[in-house]
Amino acid sequence: APSLHLAMKHAIKPRRDIGLRTIFNLLGPLTNPAGASRQVLGVYAPELTELIARVLLNLGSENAFVVYGMEGIDEISICGETRITHLEARRIRTYYLKPEDLGLKRAGKKEIQGGDAARNVEISLSVLRGEKGPCRDVVLLNTAAALVAGGKVEDLQEGVFQAQESIDKGYALDKLESLREFSRRPLCS
């Protein structure tokens, strides 16, 4: 957020000094400079899902998932239940989702834990290359929500299927490679 919202740079030190999550943890996604009307947004406390969904509604969002993994994860969790507040067609609905609801197995937090940048790249590439396991499953769950929010699929089950297909057929890895190539091009030629 500080690189995109210059005023946010003044909040960095006080936020670190406080040592707790504050409203500043939410301001970045809520003040998205891209003006995204469709998104998946993770929050740091379960009671925030409905509040943030109402804020997104007031900001003009069309379709959004506000999620909290009940183990303290700010995304849809493979470790247990996730509280999901879904904003769609100006209606807000809250429910709980378990990985088993979509045919996926639960995993422990340690099984999906990242590391430094190099380790996270390694994990991401293994998922995109089709390696099965908990890291892939958490990607499937969150991608499914993004596909629903983006209007590409009707429901989370179809989203999981589409995400699996994209990975298994190599489309997701191909997209990453094309983005890498694009990012290496000069802006003006």
N, C-alpha and C. Protein backbone atom coordinates (compact mmCIF):
# COMPACT_ATOMS: atom_id res chain seq x y z
N ALA A 1 0.81 -1.20 0.00
CA ALA A 1 0.00 0.00 0.00
C ALA A 1 0.85 1.26 0.00
N PRO A 2 1.98 1.33 0.75
CA PRO A 2 2.74 2.57 0.78
C PRO A 2 3.26 3.01 -0.59
N SER A 3 3.58 2.06 -1.47
CA SER A 3 4.09 2.44 -2.78
C SER A 3 2.99 2.96 -3.70
N LEU A 4 1.75 2.60 -3.44
CA LEU A 4 0.63 3.03 -4.27
C LEU A 4 -0.17 4.18 -3.64
N HIS A 5 -0.16 4.24 -2.33
CA HIS A 5 -0.88 5.29 -1.60
C HIS A 5 0.15 6.04 -0.77
N LEU A 6 0.61 7.18 -1.26
CA LEU A 6 1.70 7.88 -0.61
C LEU A 6 1.38 8.26 0.83
N ALA A 7 0.14 8.57 1.13
CA ALA A 7 -0.22 8.92 2.51
C ALA A 7 -0.01 7.75 3.46
N MET A 8 -0.09 6.54 2.96
CA MET A 8 0.05 5.35 3.81
C MET A 8 1.47 5.21 4.35
N LYS A 9 2.46 5.81 3.68
CA LYS A 9 3.83 5.67 4.17
C LYS A 9 4.00 6.27 5.56
N HIS A 10 3.15 7.25 5.89
CA HIS A 10 3.23 7.87 7.21
C HIS A 10 2.67 6.96 8.30
N ALA A 11 1.95 5.95 7.93
CA ALA A 11 1.35 5.03 8.91
C ALA A 11 2.25 3.84 9.23
N ILE A 12 3.32 3.65 8.47
CA ILE A 12 4.15 2.46 8.64
C ILE A 12 4.77 2.39 10.03
N LYS A 13 5.47 3.45 10.44
CA LYS A 13 6.16 3.40 11.74
C LYS A 13 5.17 3.30 12.90
N PRO A 14 4.14 4.13 12.98
CA PRO A 14 3.19 3.97 14.10
C PRO A 14 2.55 2.58 14.12
N ARG A 15 2.26 2.04 12.96
CA ARG A 15 1.65 0.71 12.90
C ARG A 15 2.60 -0.34 13.46
N ARG A 16 3.87 -0.24 13.10
CA ARG A 16 4.87 -1.19 13.63
C ARG A 16 5.04 -1.00 15.13
N ASP A 17 5.05 0.25 15.57
CA ASP A 17 5.23 0.54 17.00
C ASP A 17 4.09 -0.04 17.83
N ILE A 18 2.88 0.04 17.32
CA ILE A 18 1.72 -0.50 18.04
C ILE A 18 1.83 -2.01 18.16
N GLY A 19 2.30 -2.66 17.10
CA GLY A 19 2.50 -4.10 17.14
C GLY A 19 1.24 -4.93 17.03
N LEU A 20 0.12 -4.31 16.77
CA LEU A 20 -1.16 -5.00 16.61
C LEU A 20 -1.74 -4.65 15.25
N ARG A 21 -2.66 -5.47 14.81
CA ARG A 21 -3.36 -5.15 13.57
C ARG A 21 -4.32 -4.01 13.85
N THR A 22 -4.38 -3.08 12.90
CA THR A 22 -5.23 -1.90 13.05
C THR A 22 -6.01 -1.67 11.76
N ILE A 23 -6.76 -0.61 11.74
CA ILE A 23 -7.52 -0.23 10.54
C ILE A 23 -6.59 -0.06 9.33
N PHE A 24 -5.32 0.28 9.58
CA PHE A 24 -4.39 0.45 8.46
C PHE A 24 -4.17 -0.85 7.69
N ASN A 25 -4.34 -1.99 8.36
CA ASN A 25 -4.23 -3.27 7.66
C ASN A 25 -5.35 -3.45 6.65
N LEU A 26 -6.44 -2.73 6.81
CA LEU A 26 -7.59 -2.85 5.92
C LEU A 26 -7.65 -1.75 4.88
N LEU A 27 -7.03 -0.61 5.17
CA LEU A 27 -7.14 0.53 4.26
C LEU A 27 -6.55 0.26 2.88
N GLY A 28 -5.43 -0.44 2.81
CA GLY A 28 -4.81 -0.72 1.52
C GLY A 28 -5.77 -1.41 0.57
N PRO A 29 -6.30 -2.58 0.95
CA PRO A 29 -7.24 -3.27 0.06
C PRO A 29 -8.52 -2.47 -0.21
N LEU A 30 -8.98 -1.71 0.78
CA LEU A 30 -10.22 -0.95 0.59
C LEU A 30 -10.03 0.26 -0.32
N THR A 31 -8.81 0.76 -0.40
CA THR A 31 -8.55 1.92 -1.25
C THR A 31 -7.77 1.50 -2.48
N ASN A 32 -8.10 0.36 -3.02
CA ASN A 32 -7.45 -0.22 -4.19
C ASN A 32 -7.42 0.80 -5.33
N PRO A 33 -6.23 1.22 -5.77
CA PRO A 33 -6.16 2.22 -6.83
C PRO A 33 -6.68 1.71 -8.18
N ALA A 34 -6.79 0.40 -8.32
CA ALA A 34 -7.33 -0.16 -9.57
C ALA A 34 -8.84 -0.04 -9.63
N GLY A 35 -9.46 0.34 -8.52
CA GLY A 35 -10.91 0.47 -8.50
C GLY A 35 -11.62 -0.85 -8.72
N ALA A 36 -11.06 -1.92 -8.19
CA ALA A 36 -11.62 -3.26 -8.39
C ALA A 36 -13.02 -3.36 -7.81
N SER A 37 -13.96 -3.77 -8.63
CA SER A 37 -15.34 -3.96 -8.15
C SER A 37 -15.62 -5.42 -7.85
N ARG A 38 -14.64 -6.27 -8.12
CA ARG A 38 -14.76 -7.71 -7.86
C ARG A 38 -13.45 -8.17 -7.23
N GLN A 39 -13.56 -8.80 -6.05
CA GLN A 39 -12.33 -9.18 -5.37
C GLN A 39 -12.56 -10.19 -4.26
N VAL A 40 -11.44 -10.78 -3.81
CA VAL A 40 -11.41 -11.62 -2.63
C VAL A 40 -10.49 -10.90 -1.65
N LEU A 41 -11.00 -10.64 -0.47
CA LEU A 41 -10.26 -9.86 0.51
C LEU A 41 -10.23 -10.62 1.84
N GLY A 42 -9.05 -10.88 2.36
CA GLY A 42 -8.91 -11.54 3.65
C GLY A 42 -8.82 -10.52 4.76
N VAL A 43 -9.40 -10.86 5.91
CA VAL A 43 -9.36 -9.99 7.08
C VAL A 43 -8.74 -10.74 8.25
N TYR A 44 -8.34 -10.00 9.27
CA TYR A 44 -7.62 -10.58 10.39
C TYR A 44 -8.49 -10.95 11.59
N ALA A 45 -9.80 -10.78 11.48
CA ALA A 45 -10.69 -11.14 12.58
C ALA A 45 -12.05 -11.52 12.00
N PRO A 46 -12.71 -12.54 12.54
CA PRO A 46 -13.97 -13.01 11.95
C PRO A 46 -15.08 -11.97 11.97
N GLU A 47 -15.10 -11.14 12.99
CA GLU A 47 -16.17 -10.14 13.09
C GLU A 47 -16.06 -9.04 12.03
N LEU A 48 -14.96 -9.01 11.30
CA LEU A 48 -14.78 -7.98 10.26
C LEU A 48 -15.37 -8.37 8.91
N THR A 49 -15.71 -9.64 8.70
CA THR A 49 -16.14 -10.04 7.36
C THR A 49 -17.38 -9.29 6.91
N GLU A 50 -18.39 -9.20 7.74
CA GLU A 50 -19.63 -8.51 7.34
C GLU A 50 -19.43 -7.01 7.26
N LEU A 51 -18.69 -6.45 8.21
CA LEU A 51 -18.43 -5.01 8.19
C LEU A 51 -17.72 -4.60 6.90
N ILE A 52 -16.67 -5.33 6.55
CA ILE A 52 -15.92 -4.99 5.34
C ILE A 52 -16.76 -5.24 4.09
N ALA A 53 -17.59 -6.26 4.09
CA ALA A 53 -18.48 -6.48 2.94
C ALA A 53 -19.43 -5.29 2.77
N ARG A 54 -19.94 -4.75 3.88
CA ARG A 54 -20.82 -3.57 3.78
C ARG A 54 -20.06 -2.36 3.26
N VAL A 55 -18.81 -2.21 3.70
CA VAL A 55 -17.98 -1.11 3.20
C VAL A 55 -17.77 -1.28 1.69
N LEU A 56 -17.45 -2.50 1.26
CA LEU A 56 -17.26 -2.75 -0.18
C LEU A 56 -18.53 -2.47 -0.97
N LEU A 57 -19.67 -2.82 -0.41
CA LEU A 57 -20.96 -2.52 -1.06
C LEU A 57 -21.10 -1.01 -1.23
N ASN A 58 -20.81 -0.26 -0.18
CA ASN A 58 -20.91 1.20 -0.25
C ASN A 58 -19.88 1.82 -1.19
N LEU A 59 -18.78 1.12 -1.41
CA LEU A 59 -17.75 1.60 -2.35
C LEU A 59 -18.05 1.19 -3.79
N GLY A 60 -19.14 0.46 -3.99
CA GLY A 60 -19.54 0.10 -5.35
C GLY A 60 -19.11 -1.28 -5.82
N SER A 61 -18.64 -2.12 -4.94
CA SER A 61 -18.26 -3.48 -5.35
C SER A 61 -19.48 -4.24 -5.85
N GLU A 62 -19.25 -5.04 -6.89
CA GLU A 62 -20.32 -5.85 -7.48
C GLU A 62 -20.34 -7.26 -6.91
N ASN A 63 -19.15 -7.83 -6.74
CA ASN A 63 -19.05 -9.21 -6.27
C ASN A 63 -17.76 -9.33 -5.48
N ALA A 64 -17.86 -9.67 -4.21
CA ALA A 64 -16.67 -9.76 -3.37
C ALA A 64 -16.85 -10.83 -2.31
N PHE A 65 -15.75 -11.49 -2.01
CA PHE A 65 -15.68 -12.43 -0.90
C PHE A 65 -14.79 -11.80 0.16
N VAL A 66 -15.29 -11.69 1.38
CA VAL A 66 -14.46 -11.26 2.51
C VAL A 66 -14.32 -12.49 3.40
N VAL A 67 -13.08 -12.90 3.63
CA VAL A 67 -12.84 -14.22 4.22
C VAL A 67 -11.94 -14.16 5.44
N TYR A 68 -12.17 -15.13 6.33
CA TYR A 68 -11.32 -15.30 7.51
C TYR A 68 -11.25 -16.78 7.84
N GLY A 69 -10.06 -17.37 7.70
CA GLY A 69 -9.84 -18.75 8.11
C GLY A 69 -9.80 -18.81 9.63
N MET A 70 -10.64 -19.64 10.21
CA MET A 70 -10.87 -19.62 11.65
C MET A 70 -9.63 -19.98 12.48
N GLU A 71 -8.54 -20.38 11.85
CA GLU A 71 -7.29 -20.62 12.57
C GLU A 71 -6.42 -19.37 12.59
N GLY A 72 -6.98 -18.24 12.16
CA GLY A 72 -6.23 -17.00 12.14
C GLY A 72 -5.56 -16.72 10.81
N ILE A 73 -6.14 -17.25 9.74
CA ILE A 73 -5.58 -17.10 8.39
C ILE A 73 -6.46 -16.12 7.61
N ASP A 74 -5.84 -15.14 6.96
CA ASP A 74 -6.62 -14.14 6.23
C ASP A 74 -6.86 -14.54 4.77
N GLU A 75 -7.24 -15.78 4.59
CA GLU A 75 -7.62 -16.30 3.28
C GLU A 75 -8.52 -17.52 3.51
N ILE A 76 -9.04 -18.08 2.43
CA ILE A 76 -9.84 -19.29 2.58
C ILE A 76 -8.88 -20.40 2.98
N SER A 77 -9.21 -21.08 4.06
CA SER A 77 -8.29 -22.00 4.71
C SER A 77 -8.53 -23.46 4.33
N ILE A 78 -7.45 -24.18 4.20
CA ILE A 78 -7.49 -25.63 4.01
C ILE A 78 -7.34 -26.32 5.37
N CYS A 79 -7.10 -25.53 6.41
CA CYS A 79 -6.83 -26.07 7.76
C CYS A 79 -8.09 -26.29 8.59
N GLY A 80 -9.20 -25.76 8.16
CA GLY A 80 -10.44 -25.88 8.93
C GLY A 80 -11.51 -25.01 8.31
N GLU A 81 -12.41 -24.52 9.15
CA GLU A 81 -13.50 -23.69 8.64
C GLU A 81 -13.03 -22.29 8.27
N THR A 82 -13.69 -21.74 7.28
CA THR A 82 -13.48 -20.35 6.89
C THR A 82 -14.82 -19.64 6.97
N ARG A 83 -14.79 -18.47 7.59
CA ARG A 83 -15.98 -17.62 7.61
C ARG A 83 -15.93 -16.79 6.33
N ILE A 84 -16.98 -16.88 5.54
CA ILE A 84 -17.04 -16.17 4.26
C ILE A 84 -18.27 -15.27 4.26
N THR A 85 -18.04 -14.00 3.95
CA THR A 85 -19.16 -13.10 3.69
C THR A 85 -19.07 -12.75 2.22
N HIS A 86 -20.13 -13.11 1.50
CA HIS A 86 -20.15 -12.94 0.04
C HIS A 86 -21.11 -11.82 -0.31
N LEU A 87 -20.59 -10.82 -0.99
CA LEU A 87 -21.39 -9.71 -1.51
C LEU A 87 -21.63 -10.00 -2.99
N GLU A 88 -22.90 -10.11 -3.35
CA GLU A 88 -23.24 -10.38 -4.74
C GLU A 88 -24.62 -9.78 -5.01
N ALA A 89 -24.73 -9.05 -6.11
CA ALA A 89 -26.01 -8.44 -6.51
C ALA A 89 -26.59 -7.61 -5.36
N ARG A 90 -25.73 -6.87 -4.71
CA ARG A 90 -26.10 -5.96 -3.61
C ARG A 90 -26.65 -6.69 -2.38
N ARG A 91 -26.50 -8.01 -2.34
CA ARG A 91 -26.91 -8.80 -1.17
C ARG A 91 -25.66 -9.34 -0.48
N ILE A 92 -25.75 -9.41 0.84
CA ILE A 92 -24.63 -9.91 1.64
C ILE A 92 -25.08 -11.16 2.38
N ARG A 93 -24.29 -12.21 2.26
CA ARG A 93 -24.62 -13.48 2.91
C ARG A 93 -23.35 -14.03 3.56
N THR A 94 -23.48 -14.49 4.81
CA THR A 94 -22.34 -15.06 5.53
C THR A 94 -22.57 -16.54 5.77
N TYR A 95 -21.53 -17.31 5.56
CA TYR A 95 -21.60 -18.75 5.81
C TYR A 95 -20.20 -19.27 6.15
N TYR A 96 -20.14 -20.52 6.53
CA TYR A 96 -18.87 -21.16 6.85
C TYR A 96 -18.60 -22.26 5.83
N LEU A 97 -17.34 -22.36 5.42
CA LEU A 97 -16.93 -23.34 4.42
C LEU A 97 -15.82 -24.20 5.01
N LYS A 98 -15.91 -25.49 4.79
CA LYS A 98 -14.85 -26.43 5.17
C LYS A 98 -14.24 -26.96 3.87
N PRO A 99 -12.96 -27.30 3.86
CA PRO A 99 -12.35 -27.83 2.63
C PRO A 99 -13.10 -29.06 2.10
N GLU A 100 -13.61 -29.87 3.02
CA GLU A 100 -14.33 -31.08 2.63
C GLU A 100 -15.59 -30.77 1.83
N ASP A 101 -16.15 -29.58 2.03
CA ASP A 101 -17.35 -29.18 1.28
C ASP A 101 -17.09 -29.15 -0.23
N LEU A 102 -15.82 -28.95 -0.59
CA LEU A 102 -15.45 -28.87 -2.00
C LEU A 102 -14.55 -30.04 -2.41
N GLY A 103 -14.57 -31.10 -1.62
CA GLY A 103 -13.83 -32.31 -1.98
C GLY A 103 -12.34 -32.27 -1.70
N LEU A 104 -11.91 -31.35 -0.84
CA LEU A 104 -10.49 -31.23 -0.52
C LEU A 104 -10.24 -31.69 0.91
N LYS A 105 -9.00 -32.13 1.19
CA LYS A 105 -8.64 -32.61 2.52
C LYS A 105 -8.11 -31.47 3.37
N ARG A 106 -8.36 -31.57 4.67
CA ARG A 106 -7.77 -30.62 5.61
C ARG A 106 -6.27 -30.87 5.71
N ALA A 107 -5.57 -29.80 6.08
CA ALA A 107 -4.13 -29.90 6.30
C ALA A 107 -3.77 -28.99 7.47
N GLY A 108 -2.63 -29.23 8.08
CA GLY A 108 -2.16 -28.38 9.17
C GLY A 108 -1.53 -27.10 8.64
N LYS A 109 -1.50 -26.08 9.48
CA LYS A 109 -0.91 -24.80 9.07
C LYS A 109 0.54 -24.95 8.63
N LYS A 110 1.28 -25.83 9.29
CA LYS A 110 2.69 -26.02 8.94
C LYS A 110 2.85 -26.56 7.51
N GLU A 111 1.85 -27.29 7.04
CA GLU A 111 1.92 -27.87 5.70
C GLU A 111 1.76 -26.83 4.59
N ILE A 112 1.21 -25.67 4.93
CA ILE A 112 1.02 -24.63 3.91
C ILE A 112 1.84 -23.38 4.21
N GLN A 113 2.68 -23.47 5.22
CA GLN A 113 3.48 -22.32 5.63
C GLN A 113 4.53 -22.00 4.57
N GLY A 114 4.64 -20.74 4.26
CA GLY A 114 5.65 -20.29 3.32
C GLY A 114 6.98 -20.09 4.03
N GLY A 115 7.81 -19.29 3.42
CA GLY A 115 9.13 -19.01 3.99
C GLY A 115 9.63 -17.69 3.44
N ASP A 116 10.91 -17.66 3.10
CA ASP A 116 11.46 -16.45 2.49
C ASP A 116 11.03 -16.39 1.02
N ALA A 117 11.44 -15.35 0.34
CA ALA A 117 11.00 -15.15 -1.05
C ALA A 117 11.36 -16.34 -1.93
N ALA A 118 12.57 -16.85 -1.79
CA ALA A 118 13.01 -17.98 -2.63
C ALA A 118 12.14 -19.22 -2.36
N ARG A 119 11.86 -19.49 -1.10
CA ARG A 119 11.02 -20.65 -0.76
C ARG A 119 9.61 -20.47 -1.31
N ASN A 120 9.07 -19.26 -1.22
CA ASN A 120 7.72 -19.00 -1.73
C ASN A 120 7.64 -19.16 -3.24
N VAL A 121 8.70 -18.77 -3.94
CA VAL A 121 8.76 -18.99 -5.40
C VAL A 121 8.76 -20.49 -5.68
N GLU A 122 9.56 -21.23 -4.92
CA GLU A 122 9.64 -22.68 -5.09
C GLU A 122 8.26 -23.34 -4.89
N ILE A 123 7.56 -22.92 -3.84
CA ILE A 123 6.23 -23.47 -3.56
C ILE A 123 5.27 -23.12 -4.69
N SER A 124 5.28 -21.85 -5.10
CA SER A 124 4.37 -21.40 -6.16
C SER A 124 4.60 -22.17 -7.46
N LEU A 125 5.87 -22.33 -7.83
CA LEU A 125 6.17 -23.05 -9.07
C LEU A 125 5.78 -24.53 -8.97
N SER A 126 5.97 -25.13 -7.80
CA SER A 126 5.57 -26.54 -7.66
C SER A 126 4.06 -26.68 -7.82
N VAL A 127 3.31 -25.74 -7.28
CA VAL A 127 1.85 -25.77 -7.45
C VAL A 127 1.49 -25.62 -8.92
N LEU A 128 2.08 -24.63 -9.57
CA LEU A 128 1.75 -24.37 -10.98
C LEU A 128 2.23 -25.49 -11.91
N ARG A 129 3.22 -26.25 -11.46
CA ARG A 129 3.69 -27.40 -12.26
C ARG A 129 2.86 -28.65 -12.01
N GLY A 130 1.85 -28.53 -11.13
CA GLY A 130 0.92 -29.63 -10.94
C GLY A 130 1.14 -30.50 -9.73
N GLU A 131 2.10 -30.15 -8.87
CA GLU A 131 2.33 -30.97 -7.68
C GLU A 131 1.10 -30.92 -6.77
N LYS A 132 0.60 -32.07 -6.43
CA LYS A 132 -0.60 -32.15 -5.60
C LYS A 132 -0.22 -32.07 -4.12
N GLY A 133 -1.16 -31.57 -3.31
CA GLY A 133 -0.93 -31.47 -1.87
C GLY A 133 -1.62 -30.26 -1.29
N PRO A 134 -1.37 -29.99 -0.01
CA PRO A 134 -2.06 -28.90 0.69
C PRO A 134 -1.83 -27.52 0.08
N CYS A 135 -0.62 -27.23 -0.40
CA CYS A 135 -0.37 -25.91 -0.99
C CYS A 135 -1.22 -25.72 -2.24
N ARG A 136 -1.29 -26.73 -3.05
CA ARG A 136 -2.15 -26.67 -4.24
C ARG A 136 -3.61 -26.49 -3.83
N ASP A 137 -4.05 -27.23 -2.82
CA ASP A 137 -5.45 -27.16 -2.41
C ASP A 137 -5.84 -25.78 -1.91
N VAL A 138 -4.95 -25.12 -1.18
CA VAL A 138 -5.29 -23.77 -0.71
C VAL A 138 -5.35 -22.80 -1.89
N VAL A 139 -4.50 -23.02 -2.89
CA VAL A 139 -4.57 -22.21 -4.11
C VAL A 139 -5.89 -22.47 -4.84
N LEU A 140 -6.30 -23.72 -4.91
CA LEU A 140 -7.57 -24.05 -5.57
C LEU A 140 -8.74 -23.34 -4.90
N LEU A 141 -8.78 -23.38 -3.56
CA LEU A 141 -9.89 -22.75 -2.83
C LEU A 141 -9.96 -21.25 -3.09
N ASN A 142 -8.82 -20.58 -2.99
CA ASN A 142 -8.82 -19.13 -3.14
C ASN A 142 -9.01 -18.71 -4.58
N THR A 143 -8.48 -19.48 -5.51
CA THR A 143 -8.71 -19.21 -6.93
C THR A 143 -10.18 -19.39 -7.27
N ALA A 144 -10.80 -20.39 -6.69
CA ALA A 144 -12.24 -20.62 -6.92
C ALA A 144 -13.04 -19.39 -6.54
N ALA A 145 -12.73 -18.80 -5.39
CA ALA A 145 -13.45 -17.59 -4.95
C ALA A 145 -13.19 -16.44 -5.92
N ALA A 146 -11.95 -16.30 -6.37
CA ALA A 146 -11.63 -15.23 -7.33
C ALA A 146 -12.38 -15.43 -8.64
N LEU A 147 -12.51 -16.67 -9.09
CA LEU A 147 -13.24 -16.95 -10.33
C LEU A 147 -14.73 -16.63 -10.18
N VAL A 148 -15.31 -16.94 -9.02
CA VAL A 148 -16.71 -16.59 -8.78
C VAL A 148 -16.86 -15.07 -8.72
N ALA A 149 -16.00 -14.41 -7.95
CA ALA A 149 -16.07 -12.95 -7.84
C ALA A 149 -15.92 -12.29 -9.20
N GLY A 150 -15.04 -12.85 -10.03
CA GLY A 150 -14.80 -12.30 -11.36
C GLY A 150 -15.87 -12.63 -12.38
N GLY A 151 -16.85 -13.43 -11.98
CA GLY A 151 -17.93 -13.78 -12.89
C GLY A 151 -17.57 -14.84 -13.92
N LYS A 152 -16.48 -15.56 -13.69
CA LYS A 152 -16.04 -16.58 -14.64
C LYS A 152 -16.71 -17.93 -14.42
N VAL A 153 -17.15 -18.19 -13.19
CA VAL A 153 -17.86 -19.43 -12.86
C VAL A 153 -19.02 -19.09 -11.94
N GLU A 154 -19.96 -20.02 -11.83
CA GLU A 154 -21.17 -19.79 -11.03
C GLU A 154 -20.98 -20.02 -9.53
N ASP A 155 -20.15 -21.02 -9.17
CA ASP A 155 -20.03 -21.36 -7.75
C ASP A 155 -18.63 -21.86 -7.44
N LEU A 156 -18.35 -22.03 -6.15
CA LEU A 156 -17.02 -22.43 -5.71
C LEU A 156 -16.62 -23.80 -6.23
N GLN A 157 -17.56 -24.73 -6.30
CA GLN A 157 -17.23 -26.08 -6.79
C GLN A 157 -16.73 -26.01 -8.24
N GLU A 158 -17.43 -25.25 -9.06
CA GLU A 158 -17.00 -25.08 -10.45
C GLU A 158 -15.67 -24.34 -10.51
N GLY A 159 -15.47 -23.40 -9.58
CA GLY A 159 -14.21 -22.67 -9.52
C GLY A 159 -13.03 -23.58 -9.19
N VAL A 160 -13.22 -24.50 -8.25
CA VAL A 160 -12.17 -25.47 -7.92
C VAL A 160 -11.85 -26.31 -9.16
N PHE A 161 -12.88 -26.77 -9.86
CA PHE A 161 -12.67 -27.58 -11.06
C PHE A 161 -11.89 -26.79 -12.12
N GLN A 162 -12.29 -25.54 -12.36
CA GLN A 162 -11.60 -24.72 -13.36
C GLN A 162 -10.15 -24.46 -12.97
N ALA A 163 -9.91 -24.21 -11.68
CA ALA A 163 -8.54 -23.99 -11.21
C ALA A 163 -7.70 -25.25 -11.40
N GLN A 164 -8.27 -26.41 -11.09
CA GLN A 164 -7.56 -27.69 -11.30
C GLN A 164 -7.21 -27.86 -12.78
N GLU A 165 -8.17 -27.61 -13.63
CA GLU A 165 -7.94 -27.75 -15.08
C GLU A 165 -6.83 -26.81 -15.55
N SER A 166 -6.87 -25.57 -15.08
CA SER A 166 -5.87 -24.58 -15.48
C SER A 166 -4.46 -25.02 -15.08
N ILE A 167 -4.34 -25.55 -13.89
CA ILE A 167 -3.04 -26.04 -13.43
C ILE A 167 -2.64 -27.30 -14.19
N ASP A 168 -3.54 -28.27 -14.23
CA ASP A 168 -3.21 -29.57 -14.82
C ASP A 168 -2.91 -29.51 -16.31
N LYS A 169 -3.53 -28.58 -17.02
CA LYS A 169 -3.27 -28.45 -18.46
C LYS A 169 -2.13 -27.48 -18.76
N GLY A 170 -1.54 -26.89 -17.71
CA GLY A 170 -0.40 -26.00 -17.89
C GLY A 170 -0.75 -24.56 -18.20
N TYR A 171 -2.03 -24.23 -18.23
CA TYR A 171 -2.44 -22.86 -18.56
C TYR A 171 -1.95 -21.85 -17.53
N ALA A 172 -2.03 -22.20 -16.25
CA ALA A 172 -1.62 -21.27 -15.19
C ALA A 172 -0.12 -20.98 -15.28
N LEU A 173 0.68 -22.01 -15.48
CA LEU A 173 2.13 -21.81 -15.61
C LEU A 173 2.45 -21.02 -16.88
N ASP A 174 1.76 -21.31 -17.97
CA ASP A 174 1.96 -20.54 -19.21
C ASP A 174 1.65 -19.06 -18.99
N LYS A 175 0.59 -18.77 -18.23
CA LYS A 175 0.22 -17.37 -17.96
C LYS A 175 1.32 -16.69 -17.15
N LEU A 176 1.86 -17.39 -16.15
CA LEU A 176 2.96 -16.83 -15.37
C LEU A 176 4.15 -16.53 -16.28
N GLU A 177 4.48 -17.46 -17.15
CA GLU A 177 5.61 -17.25 -18.06
C GLU A 177 5.37 -16.06 -18.99
N SER A 178 4.15 -15.90 -19.48
CA SER A 178 3.87 -14.75 -20.35
C SER A 178 3.93 -13.45 -19.56
N LEU A 179 3.52 -13.46 -18.31
CA LEU A 179 3.64 -12.26 -17.47
C LEU A 179 5.10 -11.94 -17.18
N ARG A 180 5.91 -12.97 -16.94
CA ARG A 180 7.35 -12.76 -16.75
C ARG A 180 7.96 -12.11 -17.98
N GLU A 181 7.63 -12.67 -19.14
CA GLU A 181 8.16 -12.14 -20.40
C GLU A 181 7.72 -10.69 -20.59
N PHE A 182 6.47 -10.42 -20.36
CA PHE A 182 5.94 -9.06 -20.51
C PHE A 182 6.66 -8.09 -19.58
N SER A 183 6.93 -8.52 -18.35
CA SER A 183 7.56 -7.62 -17.38
C SER A 183 9.01 -7.30 -17.72
N ARG A 184 9.62 -8.08 -18.59
CA ARG A 184 11.01 -7.85 -19.00
C ARG A 184 11.12 -6.90 -20.19
N ARG A 185 10.01 -6.61 -20.82
CA ARG A 185 10.02 -5.74 -22.00
C ARG A 185 10.22 -4.28 -21.59
N PRO A 186 10.92 -3.52 -22.42
CA PRO A 186 11.04 -2.09 -22.14
C PRO A 186 9.68 -1.40 -22.31
N LEU A 187 9.46 -0.36 -21.52
CA LEU A 187 8.19 0.36 -21.62
C LEU A 187 8.04 1.06 -22.96
N CYS A 188 9.12 1.62 -23.44
CA CYS A 188 9.08 2.31 -24.74
C CYS A 188 10.12 1.68 -25.64
N SER A 189 9.73 1.44 -26.88
CA SER A 189 10.73 0.86 -27.80
C SER A 189 10.74 1.61 -29.10
